[in-house]
Structures are given as C-alpha cells and as structure tokens.
C-alpha cells in the first residue's frame, strides 16, 4: 500500500463531482439545461452556477483571495442579490458563460488549495461569528459534500429530461440493463410500494 496525499485525495473527489455536474449539461437544448424540474425550481444550469459561486466564496473570500479583486462581481454574487439568484440562469447568461465561470472558479480554488496547508485558517464571512474561523481542510470537506449533493440532484434532473444516467461519460456506475429491464424494474418497485401501502 502506498502512502496517500490527503490534499490530493480530497481534490480528486472534488474534481470528480465537478466533472459530473458539467457533463450533465452535454447534448441538451438551452431550454432543457434551464427548465425547472422540481417544485423548488431545481435546474441543471442553476446547479452549475450555484457551485461556481460556492467555490469562489469558500476558496476565495474565506482565505483572503477574492476572485473578482477590483472587478465588480456578477449581480447574483452580491449580498443584496435576490434569494436564489445563484440557482438559475437569466436569458442573458449563456451556458458557455456559466460553465466557463465554473471552470475558472476551479482554477482559482485549486490555486488556493495548492498554496495553503490543510490546517491554514480562513474566515467564512457568512457563517455565524462564533464558528466563522475554520481550516482549509474543513472547507474542502464542506465543498466536496455540497458539490457531490448537487451532482446527485443533477443526476436525477438529467434522468427526468432524457433518461440519461450515470456518473460521467464512459463511467456510468450503473448495473447493466436495457430500457425494457429498467421499465420492468421500476414497475416492480411501484407494485411493491403499493402493496406496502395497502398493508398498513
């Protein structure tokens, strides 16, 4: 067994979730990447936009490395933005702009991660004062959890759009089966759910 590099291990899991999120946009129309598919408005492009903001904040502002510097941040990244402004794309915000910002957020985050030790102290401005001070290690774990959660949301939203499933291209992590098998499997689950409900 070879010795592992904890920082590299954490970054690999973060990058896997990043890649999964962007892959979920591939091959879809502008409408499909933007349309809300849950009662709370969850949509694919909004998930990418949100995670870009998460990385810019946690790996930038928290460690005194703001991404925007002297340049004004986009309207949705400001404190006075409307609620959920980072969870959807306006007609003026292109898929390319949002995906590009997400990739630039990765680069900025990766620079912070490379430059600082895992025990480096940062301050999260939007956390309660009593727990605002934290470490790079803690932030990495938080962002991995958040990004992986949203990648899971994207899995479900993409499946609702066109039936596509899986982690990333060429690595779907799904058991083998064609549409007929999955249809039969789903029907079996539906029948089991109805039977359990009637037994109560």
N, C-alpha and C. Protein backbone atom coordinates (compact mmCIF):
# COMPACT_ATOMS: atom_id res chain seq x y z
N UNK A 1 0.85 -1.18 0.00
CA UNK A 1 0.00 0.00 0.00
C UNK A 1 0.89 1.25 0.00
N UNK A 2 0.63 2.15 -0.92
CA UNK A 2 1.43 3.36 -1.00
C UNK A 2 0.83 4.45 -0.11
N UNK A 3 1.70 5.35 0.34
CA UNK A 3 1.23 6.46 1.17
C UNK A 3 0.38 7.39 0.32
N UNK A 4 -0.68 7.89 0.93
CA UNK A 4 -1.57 8.80 0.19
C UNK A 4 -1.27 10.24 0.56
N UNK A 5 -1.67 11.13 -0.32
CA UNK A 5 -1.55 12.56 -0.10
C UNK A 5 -2.96 13.06 0.20
N UNK A 6 -3.26 13.41 1.46
CA UNK A 6 -4.64 13.79 1.81
C UNK A 6 -5.20 14.91 0.95
N UNK A 7 -4.40 15.91 0.66
CA UNK A 7 -4.89 17.03 -0.15
C UNK A 7 -5.24 16.56 -1.56
N UNK A 8 -4.37 15.72 -2.14
CA UNK A 8 -4.64 15.20 -3.49
C UNK A 8 -5.88 14.32 -3.49
N UNK A 9 -6.07 13.52 -2.44
CA UNK A 9 -7.27 12.68 -2.35
C UNK A 9 -8.54 13.53 -2.32
N UNK A 10 -8.54 14.57 -1.51
CA UNK A 10 -9.70 15.44 -1.41
C UNK A 10 -9.98 16.14 -2.73
N UNK A 11 -8.92 16.62 -3.37
CA UNK A 11 -9.09 17.32 -4.64
C UNK A 11 -9.62 16.39 -5.74
N UNK A 12 -9.21 15.13 -5.69
CA UNK A 12 -9.71 14.17 -6.70
C UNK A 12 -11.21 13.97 -6.55
N UNK A 13 -11.69 13.83 -5.33
CA UNK A 13 -13.14 13.67 -5.13
C UNK A 13 -13.90 14.93 -5.53
N UNK A 14 -13.33 16.09 -5.23
CA UNK A 14 -13.97 17.33 -5.65
C UNK A 14 -14.03 17.42 -7.17
N UNK A 15 -12.94 17.08 -7.85
CA UNK A 15 -12.91 17.17 -9.30
C UNK A 15 -13.88 16.19 -9.94
N UNK A 16 -14.02 15.01 -9.39
CA UNK A 16 -14.99 14.03 -9.91
C UNK A 16 -16.41 14.63 -9.90
N UNK A 17 -16.77 15.28 -8.80
CA UNK A 17 -18.11 15.87 -8.69
C UNK A 17 -18.26 17.06 -9.64
N UNK A 18 -17.21 17.87 -9.78
CA UNK A 18 -17.23 18.98 -10.73
C UNK A 18 -17.48 18.48 -12.14
N UNK A 19 -16.71 17.47 -12.53
CA UNK A 19 -16.83 16.93 -13.89
C UNK A 19 -18.23 16.36 -14.14
N UNK A 20 -18.77 15.69 -13.14
CA UNK A 20 -20.11 15.11 -13.28
C UNK A 20 -21.15 16.20 -13.52
N UNK A 21 -21.05 17.30 -12.80
CA UNK A 21 -22.01 18.39 -12.96
C UNK A 21 -21.98 18.96 -14.38
N UNK A 22 -20.79 19.22 -14.89
CA UNK A 22 -20.71 19.79 -16.25
C UNK A 22 -21.14 18.79 -17.31
N UNK A 23 -20.86 17.52 -17.10
CA UNK A 23 -21.24 16.51 -18.07
C UNK A 23 -22.76 16.43 -18.23
N UNK A 24 -23.47 16.72 -17.17
CA UNK A 24 -24.94 16.64 -17.23
C UNK A 24 -25.54 17.68 -18.17
N UNK A 25 -24.77 18.71 -18.55
CA UNK A 25 -25.26 19.72 -19.49
C UNK A 25 -25.12 19.28 -20.96
N UNK A 26 -24.25 18.32 -21.20
CA UNK A 26 -23.89 17.99 -22.59
C UNK A 26 -25.07 17.41 -23.37
N UNK A 27 -25.20 17.90 -24.60
CA UNK A 27 -26.20 17.36 -25.52
C UNK A 27 -27.62 17.84 -25.30
N UNK A 28 -27.82 18.80 -24.42
CA UNK A 28 -29.17 19.28 -24.13
C UNK A 28 -29.41 20.65 -24.76
N UNK A 29 -30.66 20.96 -25.01
CA UNK A 29 -31.05 22.27 -25.54
C UNK A 29 -30.92 23.33 -24.45
N UNK A 30 -30.97 24.59 -24.87
CA UNK A 30 -30.96 25.69 -23.90
C UNK A 30 -32.14 25.58 -22.94
N UNK A 31 -33.27 25.20 -23.48
CA UNK A 31 -34.46 25.04 -22.63
C UNK A 31 -34.23 23.96 -21.58
N UNK A 32 -33.72 22.81 -22.00
CA UNK A 32 -33.58 21.69 -21.08
C UNK A 32 -32.54 21.94 -19.98
N UNK A 33 -31.47 22.69 -20.28
CA UNK A 33 -30.48 22.95 -19.21
C UNK A 33 -31.00 23.96 -18.20
N UNK A 34 -32.05 24.72 -18.57
CA UNK A 34 -32.55 25.79 -17.71
C UNK A 34 -33.89 25.48 -17.04
N UNK A 35 -34.66 24.57 -17.61
CA UNK A 35 -36.03 24.43 -17.12
C UNK A 35 -36.10 23.80 -15.74
N UNK A 36 -37.00 24.30 -14.89
CA UNK A 36 -37.14 23.78 -13.53
C UNK A 36 -37.89 22.44 -13.55
N UNK A 37 -37.34 21.47 -12.83
CA UNK A 37 -37.95 20.15 -12.82
C UNK A 37 -38.37 19.68 -11.43
N UNK A 38 -38.33 20.58 -10.46
CA UNK A 38 -38.86 20.28 -9.14
C UNK A 38 -39.73 21.46 -8.70
N UNK A 39 -40.57 21.27 -7.71
CA UNK A 39 -41.39 22.38 -7.23
C UNK A 39 -40.57 23.58 -6.74
N UNK A 40 -39.31 23.36 -6.34
CA UNK A 40 -38.47 24.46 -5.87
C UNK A 40 -37.58 25.02 -6.99
N UNK A 41 -37.76 24.54 -8.22
CA UNK A 41 -37.07 25.14 -9.35
C UNK A 41 -35.72 24.54 -9.71
N UNK A 42 -35.35 23.40 -9.17
CA UNK A 42 -34.04 22.83 -9.46
C UNK A 42 -33.86 22.61 -10.96
N UNK A 43 -32.73 23.11 -11.47
CA UNK A 43 -32.41 23.00 -12.90
C UNK A 43 -30.91 22.83 -13.06
N UNK A 44 -30.51 22.26 -14.18
CA UNK A 44 -29.10 21.89 -14.36
C UNK A 44 -28.16 23.09 -14.39
N UNK A 45 -28.47 24.10 -15.17
CA UNK A 45 -27.56 25.23 -15.29
C UNK A 45 -27.49 26.01 -13.97
N UNK A 46 -28.59 26.08 -13.26
CA UNK A 46 -28.59 26.72 -11.95
C UNK A 46 -27.69 26.00 -10.96
N UNK A 47 -27.65 24.67 -11.02
CA UNK A 47 -26.77 23.91 -10.13
C UNK A 47 -25.31 24.25 -10.41
N UNK A 48 -24.96 24.38 -11.69
CA UNK A 48 -23.58 24.73 -12.04
C UNK A 48 -23.26 26.15 -11.58
N UNK A 49 -24.17 27.07 -11.82
CA UNK A 49 -23.97 28.46 -11.40
C UNK A 49 -23.79 28.55 -9.88
N UNK A 50 -24.61 27.84 -9.15
CA UNK A 50 -24.52 27.83 -7.69
C UNK A 50 -23.17 27.30 -7.22
N UNK A 51 -22.74 26.18 -7.78
CA UNK A 51 -21.48 25.59 -7.32
C UNK A 51 -20.28 26.46 -7.70
N UNK A 52 -20.39 27.21 -8.80
CA UNK A 52 -19.33 28.17 -9.13
C UNK A 52 -19.22 29.21 -8.02
N UNK A 53 -20.36 29.74 -7.60
CA UNK A 53 -20.37 30.72 -6.51
C UNK A 53 -19.85 30.16 -5.21
N UNK A 54 -20.19 28.91 -4.92
CA UNK A 54 -19.71 28.25 -3.71
C UNK A 54 -18.19 28.20 -3.69
N UNK A 55 -17.60 27.78 -4.80
CA UNK A 55 -16.13 27.68 -4.85
C UNK A 55 -15.47 29.05 -4.77
N UNK A 56 -16.04 30.04 -5.46
CA UNK A 56 -15.46 31.38 -5.42
C UNK A 56 -15.49 31.94 -4.00
N UNK A 57 -16.57 31.68 -3.28
CA UNK A 57 -16.66 32.17 -1.91
C UNK A 57 -15.77 31.43 -0.94
N UNK A 58 -15.89 30.12 -0.94
CA UNK A 58 -15.17 29.34 0.07
C UNK A 58 -13.67 29.30 -0.16
N UNK A 59 -13.23 29.24 -1.40
CA UNK A 59 -11.79 29.17 -1.66
C UNK A 59 -11.18 30.52 -2.02
N UNK A 60 -12.04 31.54 -2.14
CA UNK A 60 -11.56 32.88 -2.43
C UNK A 60 -11.70 33.78 -1.23
N UNK A 61 -12.92 34.25 -1.00
CA UNK A 61 -13.18 35.21 0.08
C UNK A 61 -12.75 34.68 1.45
N UNK A 62 -12.98 33.43 1.71
CA UNK A 62 -12.67 32.84 3.02
C UNK A 62 -11.18 32.93 3.35
N UNK A 63 -10.34 32.82 2.33
CA UNK A 63 -8.89 32.81 2.57
C UNK A 63 -8.20 34.08 2.06
N UNK A 64 -8.98 35.16 1.97
CA UNK A 64 -8.39 36.44 1.56
C UNK A 64 -7.88 36.45 0.14
N UNK A 65 -8.47 35.64 -0.72
CA UNK A 65 -8.08 35.57 -2.12
C UNK A 65 -9.30 35.80 -3.01
N UNK A 66 -9.97 36.94 -2.90
CA UNK A 66 -11.20 37.15 -3.69
C UNK A 66 -10.94 37.03 -5.18
N UNK A 67 -11.80 36.31 -5.84
CA UNK A 67 -11.63 36.07 -7.28
C UNK A 67 -11.80 37.33 -8.10
N UNK A 68 -12.77 38.15 -7.73
CA UNK A 68 -13.10 39.29 -8.56
C UNK A 68 -12.15 40.47 -8.35
N UNK A 69 -11.45 40.49 -7.23
CA UNK A 69 -10.48 41.55 -6.99
C UNK A 69 -11.09 42.93 -7.13
N UNK A 70 -10.53 43.73 -8.04
CA UNK A 70 -11.03 45.09 -8.27
C UNK A 70 -12.26 45.11 -9.17
N UNK A 71 -12.53 44.02 -9.86
CA UNK A 71 -13.67 43.97 -10.78
C UNK A 71 -14.97 43.70 -10.01
N UNK A 72 -16.06 44.32 -10.43
CA UNK A 72 -17.32 44.05 -9.74
C UNK A 72 -17.80 42.63 -10.01
N UNK A 73 -18.27 41.92 -8.99
CA UNK A 73 -18.78 40.57 -9.20
C UNK A 73 -20.12 40.62 -9.93
N UNK A 74 -20.56 39.50 -10.50
CA UNK A 74 -21.87 39.49 -11.15
C UNK A 74 -22.98 39.78 -10.13
N UNK A 75 -24.11 40.23 -10.64
CA UNK A 75 -25.24 40.65 -9.79
C UNK A 75 -25.65 39.59 -8.78
N UNK A 76 -25.59 38.32 -9.16
CA UNK A 76 -26.08 37.26 -8.29
C UNK A 76 -25.11 36.90 -7.19
N UNK A 77 -23.86 37.40 -7.25
CA UNK A 77 -22.84 37.07 -6.26
C UNK A 77 -22.79 38.10 -5.12
N UNK A 78 -23.58 39.15 -5.23
CA UNK A 78 -23.54 40.22 -4.24
C UNK A 78 -24.48 39.94 -3.07
N UNK A 79 -24.22 40.60 -1.95
CA UNK A 79 -25.01 40.38 -0.74
C UNK A 79 -26.47 40.81 -0.90
N UNK A 80 -26.71 41.78 -1.76
CA UNK A 80 -28.09 42.26 -1.90
C UNK A 80 -28.84 41.61 -3.06
N UNK A 81 -28.30 40.51 -3.59
CA UNK A 81 -29.00 39.78 -4.66
C UNK A 81 -30.29 39.17 -4.11
N UNK A 82 -31.22 38.97 -4.99
CA UNK A 82 -32.48 38.35 -4.58
C UNK A 82 -32.24 36.91 -4.13
N UNK A 83 -33.11 36.37 -3.28
CA UNK A 83 -32.95 34.98 -2.84
C UNK A 83 -32.91 34.02 -4.05
N UNK A 84 -32.02 33.06 -3.98
CA UNK A 84 -31.87 32.02 -5.01
C UNK A 84 -31.38 32.57 -6.35
N UNK A 85 -30.79 33.76 -6.37
CA UNK A 85 -30.30 34.33 -7.62
C UNK A 85 -29.22 33.47 -8.25
N UNK A 86 -28.51 32.70 -7.43
CA UNK A 86 -27.44 31.84 -7.96
C UNK A 86 -27.94 30.47 -8.41
N UNK A 87 -29.24 30.23 -8.33
CA UNK A 87 -29.77 28.89 -8.63
C UNK A 87 -30.49 28.81 -9.98
N UNK A 88 -30.37 29.85 -10.80
CA UNK A 88 -30.99 29.81 -12.12
C UNK A 88 -30.26 30.80 -13.03
N UNK A 89 -30.39 30.57 -14.31
CA UNK A 89 -29.72 31.42 -15.30
C UNK A 89 -30.73 32.30 -16.01
N UNK A 90 -30.43 33.59 -16.09
CA UNK A 90 -31.28 34.50 -16.84
C UNK A 90 -31.07 34.25 -18.33
N UNK A 91 -31.98 34.71 -19.18
CA UNK A 91 -31.80 34.53 -20.62
C UNK A 91 -30.50 35.15 -21.15
N UNK A 92 -29.99 36.17 -20.46
CA UNK A 92 -28.76 36.83 -20.89
C UNK A 92 -27.49 36.08 -20.48
N UNK A 93 -27.62 35.13 -19.56
CA UNK A 93 -26.45 34.36 -19.11
C UNK A 93 -26.36 33.08 -19.93
N UNK A 94 -25.33 32.98 -20.74
CA UNK A 94 -25.22 31.81 -21.61
C UNK A 94 -24.67 30.60 -20.85
N UNK A 95 -24.95 29.46 -21.39
CA UNK A 95 -24.41 28.22 -20.84
C UNK A 95 -22.88 28.29 -20.83
N UNK A 96 -22.30 28.82 -21.92
CA UNK A 96 -20.85 28.91 -22.03
C UNK A 96 -20.28 29.84 -20.96
N UNK A 97 -20.98 30.95 -20.69
CA UNK A 97 -20.51 31.89 -19.66
C UNK A 97 -20.50 31.22 -18.28
N UNK A 98 -21.57 30.52 -17.97
CA UNK A 98 -21.67 29.91 -16.64
C UNK A 98 -20.70 28.74 -16.49
N UNK A 99 -20.62 27.89 -17.51
CA UNK A 99 -19.66 26.77 -17.45
C UNK A 99 -18.23 27.31 -17.41
N UNK A 100 -17.96 28.38 -18.17
CA UNK A 100 -16.63 28.97 -18.16
C UNK A 100 -16.28 29.55 -16.80
N UNK A 101 -17.24 30.23 -16.17
CA UNK A 101 -17.01 30.77 -14.83
C UNK A 101 -16.74 29.63 -13.85
N UNK A 102 -17.47 28.54 -13.99
CA UNK A 102 -17.25 27.40 -13.09
C UNK A 102 -15.83 26.85 -13.26
N UNK A 103 -15.38 26.72 -14.50
CA UNK A 103 -14.00 26.23 -14.72
C UNK A 103 -12.97 27.20 -14.15
N UNK A 104 -13.21 28.50 -14.31
CA UNK A 104 -12.28 29.49 -13.74
C UNK A 104 -12.32 29.45 -12.21
N UNK A 105 -13.51 29.18 -11.65
CA UNK A 105 -13.62 29.02 -10.19
C UNK A 105 -12.79 27.83 -9.72
N UNK A 106 -12.78 26.74 -10.50
CA UNK A 106 -11.94 25.58 -10.16
C UNK A 106 -10.48 26.00 -10.11
N UNK A 107 -10.05 26.71 -11.15
CA UNK A 107 -8.64 27.11 -11.22
C UNK A 107 -8.26 27.97 -10.02
N UNK A 108 -9.13 28.91 -9.68
CA UNK A 108 -8.87 29.78 -8.53
C UNK A 108 -8.84 28.95 -7.25
N UNK A 109 -9.81 28.06 -7.10
CA UNK A 109 -9.86 27.19 -5.92
C UNK A 109 -8.63 26.30 -5.84
N UNK A 110 -8.26 25.71 -6.97
CA UNK A 110 -7.08 24.84 -6.99
C UNK A 110 -5.82 25.61 -6.60
N UNK A 111 -5.75 26.89 -6.99
CA UNK A 111 -4.62 27.72 -6.59
C UNK A 111 -4.57 27.93 -5.09
N UNK A 112 -5.74 28.15 -4.49
CA UNK A 112 -5.80 28.29 -3.03
C UNK A 112 -5.39 27.00 -2.36
N UNK A 113 -5.91 25.89 -2.86
CA UNK A 113 -5.62 24.58 -2.26
C UNK A 113 -4.14 24.25 -2.37
N UNK A 114 -3.53 24.58 -3.51
CA UNK A 114 -2.10 24.31 -3.71
C UNK A 114 -1.23 25.21 -2.83
N UNK A 115 -1.67 26.46 -2.64
CA UNK A 115 -0.84 27.44 -1.94
C UNK A 115 -0.85 27.29 -0.42
N UNK A 116 -1.92 26.71 0.12
CA UNK A 116 -2.09 26.68 1.58
C UNK A 116 -2.03 25.27 2.13
N UNK A 117 -1.53 25.10 3.36
CA UNK A 117 -1.61 23.79 4.00
C UNK A 117 -3.04 23.51 4.45
N UNK A 118 -3.37 22.26 4.67
CA UNK A 118 -4.72 21.89 5.08
C UNK A 118 -5.14 22.53 6.40
N UNK A 119 -4.17 22.87 7.25
CA UNK A 119 -4.52 23.49 8.53
C UNK A 119 -4.52 25.02 8.47
N UNK A 120 -4.42 25.59 7.26
CA UNK A 120 -4.48 27.04 7.11
C UNK A 120 -5.83 27.55 7.61
N UNK A 121 -5.82 28.68 8.29
CA UNK A 121 -7.03 29.25 8.87
C UNK A 121 -7.65 30.27 7.91
N UNK A 122 -8.96 30.16 7.76
CA UNK A 122 -9.73 31.13 6.99
C UNK A 122 -10.93 31.56 7.79
N UNK A 123 -11.60 32.60 7.30
CA UNK A 123 -12.81 33.10 7.96
C UNK A 123 -13.93 33.16 6.94
N UNK A 124 -15.02 32.47 7.23
CA UNK A 124 -16.18 32.45 6.33
C UNK A 124 -17.10 33.61 6.72
N UNK A 125 -17.15 34.67 5.89
CA UNK A 125 -17.89 35.88 6.28
C UNK A 125 -19.38 35.66 6.53
N UNK A 126 -19.97 34.68 5.89
CA UNK A 126 -21.43 34.48 6.01
C UNK A 126 -21.80 33.45 7.07
N UNK A 127 -20.83 32.88 7.78
CA UNK A 127 -21.13 31.96 8.88
C UNK A 127 -21.31 32.76 10.17
N UNK A 128 -22.01 32.19 11.17
CA UNK A 128 -22.14 32.88 12.46
C UNK A 128 -20.76 33.19 13.06
N UNK A 129 -20.65 34.31 13.72
CA UNK A 129 -19.35 34.80 14.23
C UNK A 129 -18.62 33.75 15.07
N UNK A 130 -19.36 33.00 15.89
CA UNK A 130 -18.71 32.06 16.81
C UNK A 130 -18.06 30.87 16.11
N UNK A 131 -18.41 30.61 14.86
CA UNK A 131 -17.76 29.49 14.14
C UNK A 131 -17.22 29.91 12.78
N UNK A 132 -17.02 31.19 12.62
CA UNK A 132 -16.55 31.74 11.36
C UNK A 132 -15.14 31.29 10.99
N UNK A 133 -14.28 31.12 11.99
CA UNK A 133 -12.90 30.71 11.75
C UNK A 133 -12.85 29.20 11.53
N UNK A 134 -12.18 28.79 10.45
CA UNK A 134 -12.13 27.36 10.11
C UNK A 134 -10.84 27.07 9.34
N UNK A 135 -10.67 25.81 8.95
CA UNK A 135 -9.44 25.42 8.23
C UNK A 135 -9.74 25.10 6.77
N UNK A 136 -8.69 25.11 5.98
CA UNK A 136 -8.83 24.70 4.58
C UNK A 136 -9.34 23.27 4.49
N UNK A 137 -8.87 22.41 5.37
CA UNK A 137 -9.34 21.02 5.37
C UNK A 137 -10.86 20.95 5.56
N UNK A 138 -11.36 21.71 6.52
CA UNK A 138 -12.80 21.71 6.79
C UNK A 138 -13.57 22.26 5.58
N UNK A 139 -13.07 23.31 4.97
CA UNK A 139 -13.73 23.90 3.80
C UNK A 139 -13.72 22.91 2.64
N UNK A 140 -12.62 22.24 2.42
CA UNK A 140 -12.58 21.23 1.35
C UNK A 140 -13.64 20.17 1.54
N UNK A 141 -13.76 19.66 2.77
CA UNK A 141 -14.78 18.64 3.05
C UNK A 141 -16.18 19.21 2.81
N UNK A 142 -16.43 20.43 3.27
CA UNK A 142 -17.75 21.06 3.07
C UNK A 142 -18.07 21.20 1.59
N UNK A 143 -17.12 21.67 0.80
CA UNK A 143 -17.38 21.91 -0.62
C UNK A 143 -17.52 20.58 -1.38
N UNK A 144 -16.76 19.57 -1.01
CA UNK A 144 -16.94 18.25 -1.63
C UNK A 144 -18.35 17.73 -1.35
N UNK A 145 -18.79 17.85 -0.10
CA UNK A 145 -20.13 17.39 0.26
C UNK A 145 -21.20 18.15 -0.52
N UNK A 146 -21.05 19.48 -0.60
CA UNK A 146 -22.03 20.31 -1.29
C UNK A 146 -22.06 20.00 -2.79
N UNK A 147 -20.89 19.90 -3.39
CA UNK A 147 -20.82 19.64 -4.83
C UNK A 147 -21.35 18.25 -5.16
N UNK A 148 -21.01 17.27 -4.35
CA UNK A 148 -21.49 15.90 -4.58
C UNK A 148 -23.01 15.84 -4.43
N UNK A 149 -23.54 16.56 -3.46
CA UNK A 149 -25.00 16.62 -3.27
C UNK A 149 -25.66 17.19 -4.52
N UNK A 150 -25.11 18.27 -5.05
CA UNK A 150 -25.70 18.88 -6.24
C UNK A 150 -25.47 18.03 -7.49
N UNK A 151 -24.38 17.29 -7.54
CA UNK A 151 -24.18 16.35 -8.65
C UNK A 151 -25.27 15.27 -8.61
N UNK A 152 -25.66 14.86 -7.40
CA UNK A 152 -26.77 13.91 -7.27
C UNK A 152 -28.09 14.51 -7.73
N UNK A 153 -28.31 15.78 -7.39
CA UNK A 153 -29.50 16.46 -7.91
C UNK A 153 -29.47 16.45 -9.44
N UNK A 154 -28.30 16.75 -10.01
CA UNK A 154 -28.17 16.81 -11.47
C UNK A 154 -28.42 15.44 -12.10
N UNK A 155 -28.00 14.37 -11.43
CA UNK A 155 -28.28 13.02 -11.93
C UNK A 155 -29.78 12.82 -12.13
N UNK A 156 -30.54 13.20 -11.11
CA UNK A 156 -31.99 12.98 -11.16
C UNK A 156 -32.65 13.90 -12.18
N UNK A 157 -32.24 15.17 -12.20
CA UNK A 157 -32.83 16.12 -13.15
C UNK A 157 -32.55 15.67 -14.58
N UNK A 158 -31.32 15.25 -14.87
CA UNK A 158 -30.99 14.81 -16.23
C UNK A 158 -31.79 13.56 -16.61
N UNK A 159 -31.95 12.64 -15.68
CA UNK A 159 -32.74 11.44 -15.97
C UNK A 159 -34.19 11.81 -16.28
N UNK A 160 -34.73 12.79 -15.58
CA UNK A 160 -36.09 13.24 -15.87
C UNK A 160 -36.21 13.88 -17.26
N UNK A 161 -35.14 14.50 -17.72
CA UNK A 161 -35.18 15.17 -19.02
C UNK A 161 -35.14 14.17 -20.17
N UNK A 162 -34.15 13.29 -20.17
CA UNK A 162 -34.00 12.41 -21.34
C UNK A 162 -33.61 10.97 -21.02
N UNK A 163 -33.66 10.61 -19.74
CA UNK A 163 -33.37 9.23 -19.35
C UNK A 163 -31.89 8.93 -19.17
N UNK A 164 -31.00 9.90 -19.45
CA UNK A 164 -29.56 9.67 -19.28
C UNK A 164 -29.22 9.51 -17.80
N UNK A 165 -28.38 8.53 -17.51
CA UNK A 165 -27.98 8.26 -16.14
C UNK A 165 -26.47 8.03 -16.09
N UNK A 166 -25.93 8.08 -14.89
CA UNK A 166 -24.52 7.74 -14.71
C UNK A 166 -23.71 8.87 -14.16
N UNK A 167 -22.51 8.52 -13.70
CA UNK A 167 -21.62 9.48 -13.05
C UNK A 167 -20.97 10.42 -14.07
N UNK A 168 -20.24 9.85 -15.01
CA UNK A 168 -19.60 10.64 -16.06
C UNK A 168 -19.58 9.82 -17.34
N UNK A 169 -19.22 10.46 -18.43
CA UNK A 169 -19.17 9.77 -19.72
C UNK A 169 -18.16 8.63 -19.64
N UNK A 170 -18.59 7.43 -20.04
CA UNK A 170 -17.72 6.27 -20.01
C UNK A 170 -17.58 5.64 -18.64
N UNK A 171 -18.23 6.19 -17.63
CA UNK A 171 -18.15 5.65 -16.26
C UNK A 171 -19.51 5.87 -15.62
N UNK A 172 -20.49 5.07 -16.08
CA UNK A 172 -21.85 5.35 -15.63
C UNK A 172 -22.18 4.80 -14.25
N UNK A 173 -21.39 3.84 -13.75
CA UNK A 173 -21.60 3.28 -12.41
C UNK A 173 -22.99 2.67 -12.24
N UNK A 174 -23.58 2.21 -13.33
CA UNK A 174 -24.90 1.61 -13.29
C UNK A 174 -24.82 0.12 -13.60
N UNK A 175 -25.67 -0.71 -12.98
CA UNK A 175 -25.70 -2.12 -13.35
C UNK A 175 -26.18 -2.26 -14.79
N UNK A 176 -25.78 -3.32 -15.48
CA UNK A 176 -26.19 -3.47 -16.88
C UNK A 176 -27.70 -3.67 -17.01
N UNK A 177 -28.23 -3.19 -18.12
CA UNK A 177 -29.66 -3.36 -18.37
C UNK A 177 -30.14 -2.40 -19.43
N UNK A 178 -31.07 -2.87 -20.26
CA UNK A 178 -31.62 -2.01 -21.30
C UNK A 178 -32.89 -1.33 -20.78
N UNK A 179 -33.53 -0.52 -21.63
CA UNK A 179 -34.72 0.22 -21.21
C UNK A 179 -35.84 -0.71 -20.74
N UNK A 180 -35.98 -1.85 -21.41
CA UNK A 180 -37.03 -2.80 -21.02
C UNK A 180 -36.78 -3.33 -19.61
N UNK A 181 -35.52 -3.63 -19.31
CA UNK A 181 -35.19 -4.13 -17.96
C UNK A 181 -35.49 -3.07 -16.91
N UNK A 182 -35.11 -1.81 -17.19
CA UNK A 182 -35.35 -0.75 -16.22
C UNK A 182 -36.84 -0.45 -16.07
N UNK A 183 -37.60 -0.57 -17.16
CA UNK A 183 -39.04 -0.37 -17.08
C UNK A 183 -39.67 -1.44 -16.19
N UNK A 184 -39.23 -2.69 -16.38
CA UNK A 184 -39.75 -3.79 -15.55
C UNK A 184 -39.35 -3.60 -14.09
N UNK A 185 -38.11 -3.16 -13.88
CA UNK A 185 -37.62 -2.92 -12.52
C UNK A 185 -38.45 -1.83 -11.83
N UNK A 186 -38.70 -0.74 -12.56
CA UNK A 186 -39.49 0.35 -12.00
C UNK A 186 -40.91 -0.11 -11.67
N UNK A 187 -41.50 -0.90 -12.55
CA UNK A 187 -42.85 -1.41 -12.31
C UNK A 187 -42.89 -2.31 -11.08
N UNK A 188 -41.85 -3.11 -10.91
CA UNK A 188 -41.77 -3.98 -9.73
C UNK A 188 -41.73 -3.14 -8.45
N UNK A 189 -40.95 -2.06 -8.47
CA UNK A 189 -40.88 -1.18 -7.31
C UNK A 189 -42.21 -0.48 -7.04
N UNK A 190 -42.87 -0.08 -8.12
CA UNK A 190 -44.20 0.56 -7.98
C UNK A 190 -45.18 -0.40 -7.31
N UNK A 191 -45.18 -1.65 -7.76
CA UNK A 191 -46.09 -2.65 -7.19
C UNK A 191 -45.75 -2.93 -5.73
N UNK A 192 -44.46 -3.00 -5.41
CA UNK A 192 -44.05 -3.24 -4.02
C UNK A 192 -44.48 -2.08 -3.13
N UNK A 193 -44.35 -0.83 -3.64
CA UNK A 193 -44.75 0.34 -2.86
C UNK A 193 -46.26 0.33 -2.60
N UNK A 194 -47.04 0.00 -3.62
CA UNK A 194 -48.50 -0.04 -3.46
C UNK A 194 -48.92 -1.15 -2.48
N UNK A 195 -48.24 -2.30 -2.59
CA UNK A 195 -48.55 -3.42 -1.70
C UNK A 195 -48.24 -3.06 -0.24
N UNK A 196 -47.08 -2.40 -0.02
CA UNK A 196 -46.72 -2.00 1.34
C UNK A 196 -47.69 -0.96 1.88
N UNK A 197 -48.13 -0.05 1.02
CA UNK A 197 -49.07 0.98 1.44
C UNK A 197 -50.42 0.39 1.83
N UNK A 198 -50.87 -0.60 1.07
CA UNK A 198 -52.16 -1.24 1.36
C UNK A 198 -52.10 -2.10 2.62
N UNK A 199 -50.90 -2.57 2.96
CA UNK A 199 -50.75 -3.43 4.14
C UNK A 199 -50.79 -2.63 5.45
N UNK A 200 -50.64 -1.33 5.36
CA UNK A 200 -50.60 -0.50 6.58
C UNK A 200 -52.01 -0.28 7.12
